[in-house]
Amino acid sequence: MYLTWCYVLYSLISLSLTNELNILTDWQKNSFLCMRNYFEFSQPMIIHQKYNITFYGLEESGYGVRQIVVRSVYDFVPERSSFIDMLEQDGGYENYYRKLVRKVDFHNQFMMFAERQKFKNWDYFVKENKNIKIFWCKNGLCEDCRSNNPIALAIINEISQPKNTEVQPKIQASEKMWSDGQIEDFKDFSIELASNSLLIGRPGDVAKLYFRVINRLWQPLEFFFECYAQIGIIRAILPTRIIIPPNSPSDIEVFLEVGGSEGSIDQITFIVNQQYQEFIRVNFYIGQMVGDTSRPTIDYTFNGDCRYADTPHTCGSEKWSIEAVIRDENSGLANIYSIPNHLRFQNDFIIGTREAVIVYYSSTCCFPKVEIIATDLRGNIKKKTIDAEKQYLNLAEIAAIILAIFVLFFTIIILIWAVLRCRKRRKSQNFISN
């Protein structure tokens, strides 16, 4: 009996904490897209709070009212456009909603998403239905929400893989610089994981991931976003569409409901759609957070020979390359890049990986230096500078090493001779005293 009353009390409390939304709909796809657009830009908390959302619309026969209750604006997608013929008729939209309004219980407040231009007397419809909050739409977008579009974030931290947009002077063959003048493939935009993302959580938690999309052109670009998880559930993407100003970044929030068992790894794929598609993958670890103060490790093997290519006339004819293996077995690798930024990865780099990552770099002997930088998810940084000219010893260094070996050798011989002489003298003194 006690357990029964506890269950009833819990149910009452849950219902009291549950918010309700009542939405009039024509079951058309554009109306649902407009609704989602409104919630993403104007009421983002509705997407991940506890809500009962009831859709009211006419039955296919046109005589009854169909009701569908969902918990999220993403939980229902219209399967068909049953009323398309009626709605496309002259005044069809207005007639549909007037008929619907007469059939529903108007003790509640309602929301409605519709296209203004399809109403003959939309202003009169608004005045006579004051208990309906109407949001006007166009092509699946909420017209009333455009002023609420999020503004792109200012660049506060230096981008992890910067591109130098300044005009550089022409490289002379005699200048030994860090870059070999290779032209990097320029892309309209780039994606990275923002530093305030936490890639670990316990089952049942709702984690926030922040993906930074950077428009690198001198014109605004419109982007559309998707995100998928192998184990958990993507609860929301805020926003799913945005226009980013020229040369500006914007952070996209992804809400992940953590699933799976502790110790497992969920792989998240974040996709950006523009004129072409780009994506990044992230390893999300399920379990408790652990401390990490150790830096990643960078090991490499060197190939090539720049010993006889150290003049402006010969350096361009010889090349050198490295194969580097980068690891971080604790928190996982967050970022890997080089200066100059011409690293090639053996496989797609997965942010947060604890496996070894193999990268390649090559250049001519005119440009003998590269610096590789690796950062883990706890912000520990490892840098390694590789200089092709210092992989071999010159004549002076070889002579110095040989001289040092001879000096050490003669020093050891002198020490041995001194010890033997002392022992011989001590023996002779003992013999005389006896």
Protein backbone atom coordinates (compact mmCIF):
# COMPACT_ATOMS: atom_id res chain seq x y z
CA MET A 1 0.00 0.00 0.00
CA TYR A 2 2.84 2.36 0.88
CA LEU A 3 4.55 1.68 -2.44
CA THR A 4 1.28 2.34 -4.28
CA TRP A 5 0.89 5.78 -2.67
CA CYS A 6 4.54 6.59 -3.43
CA TYR A 7 3.98 5.73 -7.09
CA VAL A 8 0.83 7.88 -7.25
CA LEU A 9 2.67 10.79 -5.59
CA TYR A 10 5.59 10.44 -8.01
CA SER A 11 3.20 10.42 -10.97
CA LEU A 12 1.45 13.56 -9.76
CA ILE A 13 4.75 15.36 -9.25
CA SER A 14 5.96 14.32 -12.71
CA LEU A 15 2.77 15.60 -14.30
CA SER A 16 3.00 18.87 -12.44
CA LEU A 17 6.54 19.39 -13.66
CA THR A 18 5.63 18.55 -17.25
CA ASN A 19 4.93 21.53 -19.50
CA GLU A 20 2.32 21.34 -22.23
CA LEU A 21 2.17 22.80 -25.73
CA ASN A 22 -0.85 22.67 -28.02
CA ILE A 23 -0.16 23.18 -31.72
CA LEU A 24 -2.63 23.43 -34.59
CA THR A 25 -1.22 21.88 -37.75
CA ASP A 26 -2.07 21.12 -41.36
CA TRP A 27 0.26 18.06 -41.34
CA GLN A 28 2.45 19.61 -44.06
CA LYS A 29 6.22 19.19 -44.04
CA ASN A 30 6.98 22.92 -44.36
CA SER A 31 4.83 23.66 -41.32
CA PHE A 32 6.86 21.23 -39.19
CA LEU A 33 10.14 22.60 -40.52
CA CYS A 34 8.99 26.11 -39.64
CA MET A 35 8.02 24.95 -36.14
CA ARG A 36 11.43 23.39 -35.54
CA ASN A 37 13.10 26.51 -36.89
CA TYR A 38 11.16 28.62 -34.38
CA PHE A 39 12.07 26.43 -31.40
CA GLU A 40 15.74 26.20 -32.36
CA PHE A 41 16.21 29.95 -32.66
CA SER A 42 13.68 31.35 -30.18
CA GLN A 43 12.91 28.66 -27.59
CA PRO A 44 15.90 26.26 -27.52
CA MET A 45 15.17 24.94 -24.02
CA ILE A 46 11.87 23.41 -25.20
CA ILE A 47 13.91 20.97 -27.26
CA HIS A 48 15.52 19.35 -24.23
CA GLN A 49 13.15 20.03 -21.36
CA LYS A 50 10.26 17.78 -20.34
CA TYR A 51 7.24 18.70 -22.51
CA ASN A 52 4.00 17.17 -23.70
CA ILE A 53 3.42 18.49 -27.22
CA THR A 54 -0.04 17.83 -28.68
CA PHE A 55 -0.66 18.33 -32.39
CA TYR A 56 -4.24 18.99 -33.48
CA GLY A 57 -5.28 18.59 -37.12
CA LEU A 58 -8.24 17.45 -39.18
CA GLU A 59 -8.71 13.79 -40.00
CA GLU A 60 -8.38 12.78 -43.65
CA SER A 61 -12.15 12.72 -43.92
CA GLY A 62 -12.26 16.34 -42.79
CA TYR A 63 -14.94 15.66 -40.16
CA GLY A 64 -12.95 14.72 -37.06
CA VAL A 65 -9.89 16.02 -35.24
CA ARG A 66 -6.72 13.94 -35.05
CA GLN A 67 -4.47 14.35 -31.99
CA ILE A 68 -0.87 13.17 -31.65
CA VAL A 69 1.12 13.61 -28.41
CA VAL A 70 4.93 13.62 -28.52
CA ARG A 71 7.72 14.55 -26.09
CA SER A 72 9.96 16.41 -28.53
CA VAL A 73 9.54 18.51 -31.67
CA TYR A 74 11.81 15.98 -33.39
CA ASP A 75 9.69 12.95 -32.48
CA PHE A 76 7.07 13.38 -35.20
CA VAL A 77 7.53 13.68 -38.95
CA PRO A 78 4.45 13.89 -41.26
CA GLU A 79 4.17 10.70 -43.29
CA ARG A 80 2.03 12.13 -46.09
CA SER A 81 0.31 15.33 -47.22
CA SER A 82 -3.31 14.16 -47.06
CA PHE A 83 -4.82 17.62 -47.51
CA ILE A 84 -2.59 18.91 -50.28
CA ASP A 85 -5.43 19.05 -52.83
CA MET A 86 -7.75 20.92 -50.49
CA LEU A 87 -5.06 23.29 -49.25
CA GLU A 88 -3.94 24.25 -52.75
CA GLN A 89 -7.42 25.41 -53.67
CA ASP A 90 -8.27 29.10 -53.53
CA GLY A 91 -8.65 29.96 -49.83
CA GLY A 92 -7.98 26.34 -48.91
CA TYR A 93 -5.60 27.04 -46.02
CA GLU A 94 -7.93 29.56 -44.41
CA ASN A 95 -10.93 27.25 -44.76
CA TYR A 96 -8.95 24.35 -43.30
CA TYR A 97 -7.91 26.24 -40.17
CA ARG A 98 -11.37 27.80 -39.67
CA LYS A 99 -12.86 24.32 -39.74
CA LEU A 100 -10.21 23.04 -37.34
CA VAL A 101 -10.72 25.95 -34.95
CA ARG A 102 -14.44 25.19 -34.71
CA LYS A 103 -13.76 21.57 -33.72
CA VAL A 104 -11.08 21.91 -31.02
CA ASP A 105 -11.54 22.78 -27.33
CA PHE A 106 -10.65 26.46 -27.00
CA HIS A 107 -10.13 26.44 -23.25
CA ASN A 108 -6.41 26.03 -24.02
CA GLN A 109 -3.90 28.32 -25.66
CA PHE A 110 -2.67 27.18 -29.05
CA MET A 111 0.28 27.76 -31.35
CA MET A 112 0.01 27.70 -35.12
CA PHE A 113 2.61 27.75 -37.92
CA ALA A 114 1.29 28.75 -41.34
CA GLU A 115 2.14 30.72 -44.48
CA ARG A 116 0.68 34.23 -44.45
CA GLN A 117 0.38 34.58 -48.25
CA LYS A 118 -1.99 31.58 -48.38
CA PHE A 119 -4.60 33.38 -46.25
CA LYS A 120 -6.99 35.76 -48.01
CA ASN A 121 -7.84 37.65 -44.81
CA TRP A 122 -5.02 36.76 -42.48
CA ASP A 123 -5.39 39.94 -40.38
CA TYR A 124 -9.07 39.19 -39.72
CA PHE A 125 -8.19 35.55 -38.89
CA VAL A 126 -5.69 36.79 -36.28
CA LYS A 127 -8.17 39.20 -34.68
CA GLU A 128 -10.94 36.65 -34.28
CA ASN A 129 -8.62 33.96 -32.84
CA LYS A 130 -6.79 35.77 -30.05
CA ASN A 131 -6.12 32.58 -28.10
CA ILE A 132 -3.94 31.31 -30.99
CA LYS A 133 -0.35 32.48 -31.18
CA ILE A 134 0.34 32.49 -34.92
CA PHE A 135 3.85 32.29 -36.37
CA TRP A 136 4.08 33.10 -40.05
CA CYS A 137 6.34 30.96 -42.20
CA LYS A 138 7.89 31.00 -45.63
CA ASN A 139 9.52 27.99 -47.35
CA GLY A 140 9.82 26.12 -44.06
CA LEU A 141 11.45 29.00 -42.14
CA CYS A 142 9.95 31.10 -39.40
CA GLU A 143 9.70 34.73 -40.54
CA ASP A 144 9.36 36.02 -36.96
CA CYS A 145 12.60 34.31 -35.90
CA ARG A 146 15.07 35.80 -38.36
CA SER A 147 16.00 38.65 -36.03
CA ASN A 148 16.86 36.03 -33.40
CA ASN A 149 19.45 34.19 -35.48
CA PRO A 150 22.58 33.64 -33.33
CA ILE A 151 25.48 35.96 -34.04
CA ALA A 152 28.80 34.33 -34.89
CA LEU A 153 31.26 34.16 -32.02
CA ALA A 154 34.31 36.39 -31.98
CA ILE A 155 37.66 34.68 -32.40
CA ILE A 156 39.06 34.67 -28.87
CA ASN A 157 41.53 31.80 -28.98
CA GLU A 158 43.92 31.24 -31.82
CA ILE A 159 42.62 28.67 -34.26
CA SER A 160 44.54 25.44 -33.86
CA GLN A 161 45.47 25.20 -37.54
CA PRO A 162 45.81 28.79 -38.72
CA LYS A 163 46.12 29.77 -42.37
CA ASN A 164 48.30 32.77 -43.11
CA THR A 165 46.30 35.09 -45.35
CA GLU A 166 48.97 37.78 -45.61
CA VAL A 167 50.80 38.20 -48.92
CA GLN A 168 54.23 36.64 -48.54
CA PRO A 169 57.30 37.78 -50.45
CA LYS A 170 58.64 35.43 -53.06
CA ILE A 171 60.90 32.79 -51.52
CA GLN A 172 64.50 33.00 -52.64
CA ALA A 173 66.42 29.79 -53.12
CA SER A 174 69.07 30.95 -50.70
CA GLU A 175 66.64 31.46 -47.81
CA LYS A 176 66.44 28.52 -45.43
CA MET A 177 62.89 28.93 -44.09
CA TRP A 178 60.33 26.85 -42.24
CA SER A 179 58.05 26.52 -45.25
CA ASP A 180 58.82 24.95 -48.59
CA GLY A 181 56.27 27.08 -50.43
CA GLN A 182 53.80 24.26 -51.00
CA ILE A 183 50.28 25.53 -51.71
CA GLU A 184 47.80 24.09 -49.25
CA ASP A 185 44.38 23.05 -50.55
CA PHE A 186 42.17 25.96 -49.51
CA LYS A 187 38.64 25.13 -48.40
CA ASP A 188 35.65 27.40 -48.02
CA PHE A 189 35.18 26.38 -44.39
CA SER A 190 36.72 24.26 -41.67
CA ILE A 191 35.39 22.31 -38.67
CA GLU A 192 36.95 21.76 -35.27
CA LEU A 193 35.88 20.67 -31.81
CA ALA A 194 35.67 23.65 -29.45
CA SER A 195 37.81 23.44 -26.32
CA ASN A 196 34.82 23.63 -23.94
CA SER A 197 33.55 20.22 -25.11
CA LEU A 198 33.82 17.37 -22.62
CA LEU A 199 34.23 13.98 -24.27
CA ILE A 200 33.38 11.82 -21.28
CA GLY A 201 30.15 11.08 -19.44
CA ARG A 202 28.19 8.47 -17.55
CA PRO A 203 25.22 6.50 -18.93
CA GLY A 204 22.02 8.57 -18.78
CA ASP A 205 23.80 11.95 -18.71
CA VAL A 206 23.11 14.59 -21.34
CA ALA A 207 26.46 15.90 -22.63
CA LYS A 208 27.04 19.05 -24.63
CA LEU A 209 29.49 19.05 -27.53
CA TYR A 210 30.47 22.26 -29.29
CA PHE A 211 31.58 22.08 -32.92
CA ARG A 212 33.13 25.23 -34.33
CA VAL A 213 32.44 25.92 -38.02
CA ILE A 214 34.62 28.65 -39.57
CA ASN A 215 33.65 30.46 -42.75
CA ARG A 216 36.95 31.27 -44.50
CA LEU A 217 35.50 33.19 -47.44
CA TRP A 218 34.85 36.92 -47.82
CA GLN A 219 31.13 36.32 -48.24
CA PRO A 220 28.42 34.88 -45.96
CA LEU A 221 27.69 31.16 -46.30
CA GLU A 222 24.65 29.12 -45.30
CA PHE A 223 25.33 25.82 -43.55
CA PHE A 224 23.17 22.82 -42.61
CA PHE A 225 24.22 20.40 -39.88
CA GLU A 226 23.70 16.72 -39.05
CA CYS A 227 25.06 14.58 -36.24
CA TYR A 228 24.99 10.84 -35.56
CA ALA A 229 26.07 8.63 -32.64
CA GLN A 230 26.86 4.92 -32.73
CA ILE A 231 25.58 4.18 -29.20
CA GLY A 232 23.96 7.25 -27.62
CA ILE A 233 21.07 9.40 -28.83
CA ILE A 234 21.47 12.84 -30.41
CA ARG A 235 18.74 14.85 -28.67
CA ALA A 236 19.23 18.19 -30.41
CA ILE A 237 21.46 20.21 -32.75
CA LEU A 238 21.32 23.97 -32.14
CA PRO A 239 20.95 25.32 -34.71
CA THR A 240 20.48 22.91 -37.60
CA ARG A 241 20.91 25.77 -40.07
CA ILE A 242 22.80 29.05 -39.87
CA ILE A 243 24.27 31.78 -42.04
CA ILE A 244 27.84 32.56 -40.91
CA PRO A 245 29.30 35.98 -41.77
CA PRO A 246 32.53 36.26 -43.80
CA ASN A 247 35.73 35.09 -42.07
CA SER A 248 33.86 34.27 -38.89
CA PRO A 249 33.34 31.21 -36.67
CA SER A 250 30.17 29.94 -35.06
CA ASP A 251 29.74 27.25 -32.39
CA ILE A 252 27.09 24.59 -32.96
CA GLU A 253 25.74 22.82 -29.86
CA VAL A 254 25.03 19.09 -29.95
CA PHE A 255 23.13 17.47 -27.06
CA LEU A 256 24.08 13.82 -26.61
CA GLU A 257 22.21 11.43 -24.31
CA VAL A 258 24.96 9.08 -23.17
CA GLY A 259 24.22 5.41 -23.66
CA GLY A 260 26.09 2.14 -23.40
CA SER A 261 28.04 0.68 -20.49
CA GLU A 262 30.96 2.22 -18.63
CA GLY A 263 34.25 1.61 -20.38
CA SER A 264 32.79 1.64 -23.88
CA ILE A 265 33.44 4.24 -26.58
CA ASP A 266 30.77 6.05 -28.61
CA GLN A 267 31.82 7.56 -31.93
CA ILE A 268 30.12 10.83 -32.87
CA THR A 269 30.06 12.04 -36.48
CA PHE A 270 29.32 15.73 -37.07
CA ILE A 271 28.46 16.63 -40.69
CA VAL A 272 28.44 20.06 -42.30
CA ASN A 273 26.59 20.51 -45.58
CA GLN A 274 27.36 23.41 -47.85
CA GLN A 275 28.18 23.15 -51.56
CA TYR A 276 30.10 20.06 -50.51
CA GLN A 277 30.07 17.93 -47.37
CA GLU A 278 32.70 17.81 -44.64
CA PHE A 279 32.68 15.88 -41.37
CA ILE A 280 34.73 15.16 -38.28
CA ARG A 281 34.59 12.18 -35.94
CA VAL A 282 34.92 12.27 -32.17
CA ASN A 283 35.43 9.48 -29.63
CA PHE A 284 33.16 9.94 -26.60
CA TYR A 285 34.24 7.89 -23.57
CA ILE A 286 31.60 6.44 -21.26
CA GLY A 287 32.68 6.42 -17.63
CA GLN A 288 34.21 8.68 -14.98
CA MET A 289 36.71 11.42 -15.66
CA VAL A 290 40.34 10.74 -14.75
CA GLY A 291 43.21 13.16 -14.31
CA ASP A 292 45.92 13.53 -16.93
CA THR A 293 49.06 15.65 -16.60
CA SER A 294 51.29 13.74 -19.02
CA ARG A 295 51.98 15.09 -22.49
CA PRO A 296 51.52 13.15 -25.74
CA THR A 297 54.55 11.37 -27.20
CA ILE A 298 56.03 11.99 -30.65
CA ASP A 299 58.47 9.51 -32.21
CA TYR A 300 59.72 9.69 -35.76
CA THR A 301 61.95 8.07 -38.36
CA PHE A 302 63.91 10.20 -40.81
CA ASN A 303 64.50 9.46 -44.48
CA GLY A 304 66.64 11.40 -46.90
CA ASP A 305 70.09 12.97 -47.09
CA CYS A 306 70.66 16.72 -47.10
CA ARG A 307 74.41 16.59 -46.35
CA TYR A 308 75.44 17.46 -49.90
CA ALA A 309 72.44 19.66 -50.71
CA ASP A 310 73.18 22.70 -48.56
CA THR A 311 73.61 25.33 -51.27
CA PRO A 312 70.93 27.26 -53.21
CA HIS A 313 71.89 25.38 -56.37
CA THR A 314 71.69 21.88 -54.92
CA CYS A 315 69.05 21.98 -52.15
CA GLY A 316 66.08 21.83 -54.52
CA SER A 317 67.21 18.56 -56.07
CA GLU A 318 67.14 16.56 -52.82
CA LYS A 319 64.18 15.72 -50.59
CA TRP A 320 63.71 14.52 -47.04
CA SER A 321 60.71 13.04 -45.23
CA ILE A 322 59.62 11.76 -41.85
CA GLU A 323 57.10 9.28 -40.54
CA ALA A 324 55.91 10.27 -37.06
CA VAL A 325 53.93 8.19 -34.56
CA ILE A 326 51.94 10.25 -32.04
CA ARG A 327 50.24 8.77 -28.96
CA ASP A 328 48.31 9.78 -25.89
CA GLU A 329 47.02 6.78 -23.96
CA ASN A 330 45.43 8.75 -21.11
CA SER A 331 42.84 11.38 -22.09
CA GLY A 332 43.26 10.99 -25.88
CA LEU A 333 44.51 13.25 -28.67
CA ALA A 334 42.58 16.45 -29.35
CA ASN A 335 44.63 18.02 -32.15
CA ILE A 336 47.69 17.37 -34.32
CA TYR A 337 49.20 19.89 -36.71
CA SER A 338 52.55 21.14 -37.93
CA ILE A 339 54.34 24.36 -38.85
CA PRO A 340 54.27 24.51 -41.85
CA ASN A 341 50.91 22.80 -41.93
CA HIS A 342 51.51 20.09 -44.54
CA LEU A 343 51.01 16.94 -42.46
CA ARG A 344 49.42 13.96 -44.15
CA PHE A 345 47.54 11.45 -42.00
CA GLN A 346 47.69 7.74 -42.73
CA ASN A 347 44.01 7.41 -41.71
CA ASP A 348 41.21 9.83 -40.83
CA PHE A 349 42.04 11.50 -37.53
CA ILE A 350 39.41 10.82 -34.83
CA ILE A 351 39.39 13.43 -32.08
CA GLY A 352 39.88 11.81 -28.67
CA THR A 353 41.59 8.68 -30.00
CA ARG A 354 43.96 6.85 -27.66
CA GLU A 355 45.42 4.81 -30.47
CA ALA A 356 48.67 5.63 -32.25
CA VAL A 357 48.28 8.18 -35.05
CA ILE A 358 50.73 8.00 -37.97
CA VAL A 359 51.50 11.15 -39.95
CA TYR A 360 53.87 11.98 -42.81
CA TYR A 361 55.77 15.10 -43.81
CA SER A 362 58.11 15.74 -46.74
CA SER A 363 59.99 18.70 -48.18
CA THR A 364 63.06 19.64 -50.19
CA CYS A 365 66.38 20.28 -48.51
CA CYS A 366 65.94 24.01 -49.13
CA PHE A 367 63.42 23.99 -46.28
CA PRO A 368 64.83 21.67 -43.65
CA LYS A 369 62.63 22.41 -40.60
CA VAL A 370 59.24 21.32 -39.35
CA GLU A 371 57.61 21.53 -35.92
CA ILE A 372 54.95 19.00 -34.94
CA ILE A 373 52.50 19.98 -32.20
CA ALA A 374 50.17 17.50 -30.46
CA THR A 375 47.56 18.40 -27.83
CA ASP A 376 45.50 16.03 -25.69
CA LEU A 377 41.98 16.52 -24.34
CA ARG A 378 43.30 17.92 -21.05
CA GLY A 379 45.31 20.64 -22.79
CA ASN A 380 48.75 19.03 -22.38
CA ILE A 381 50.95 20.03 -25.33
CA LYS A 382 53.96 18.29 -26.85
CA LYS A 383 56.14 20.01 -29.47
CA LYS A 384 58.95 18.45 -31.46
CA THR A 385 61.18 20.36 -33.88
CA ILE A 386 62.86 18.34 -36.62
CA ASP A 387 65.77 19.81 -38.58
CA ALA A 388 66.92 17.81 -41.59
CA GLU A 389 70.35 19.47 -41.47
CA LYS A 390 70.99 18.15 -37.97
CA GLN A 391 70.21 14.53 -38.70
CA TYR A 392 73.84 14.03 -39.78
CA LEU A 393 77.20 15.12 -38.39
CA ASN A 394 79.55 17.40 -40.32
CA LEU A 395 83.34 16.93 -40.47
CA ALA A 396 84.03 19.24 -37.54
CA GLU A 397 81.51 17.44 -35.34
CA ILE A 398 82.91 14.05 -36.34
CA ALA A 399 86.45 15.23 -35.62
CA ALA A 400 85.33 16.58 -32.23
CA ILE A 401 83.72 13.27 -31.33
CA ILE A 402 86.83 11.29 -32.38
CA LEU A 403 89.04 13.63 -30.38
CA ALA A 404 86.78 13.25 -27.34
CA ILE A 405 86.99 9.46 -27.66
CA PHE A 406 90.81 9.57 -27.83
CA VAL A 407 90.97 11.90 -24.81
CA LEU A 408 88.67 9.61 -22.84
CA PHE A 409 90.67 6.56 -23.90
CA PHE A 410 94.03 8.09 -22.85
CA THR A 411 92.48 9.35 -19.61
CA ILE A 412 91.36 5.82 -18.73
CA ILE A 413 94.85 4.43 -19.59
CA ILE A 414 96.53 7.06 -17.41
CA LEU A 415 94.19 6.28 -14.51
CA ILE A 416 94.87 2.56 -14.81
CA TRP A 417 98.65 3.20 -14.99
CA ALA A 418 98.47 5.46 -11.91
CA VAL A 419 96.52 2.85 -9.91
CA LEU A 420 98.92 0.05 -10.84
CA ARG A 421 101.96 2.19 -9.97
CA CYS A 422 100.48 3.11 -6.56
CA ARG A 423 99.83 -0.54 -5.78
CA LYS A 424 103.38 -1.52 -6.86
CA ARG A 425 104.93 1.24 -4.72
CA ARG A 426 102.85 0.18 -1.70
CA LYS A 427 104.00 -3.42 -2.09
CA SER A 428 107.66 -2.41 -2.28
CA GLN A 429 107.35 -0.31 0.89
CA ASN A 430 105.75 -3.19 2.76
CA PHE A 431 108.58 -5.51 1.66
CA ILE A 432 111.32 -3.11 2.89
CA SER A 433 109.61 -2.62 6.27
CA ASN A 434 109.45 -6.36 6.80
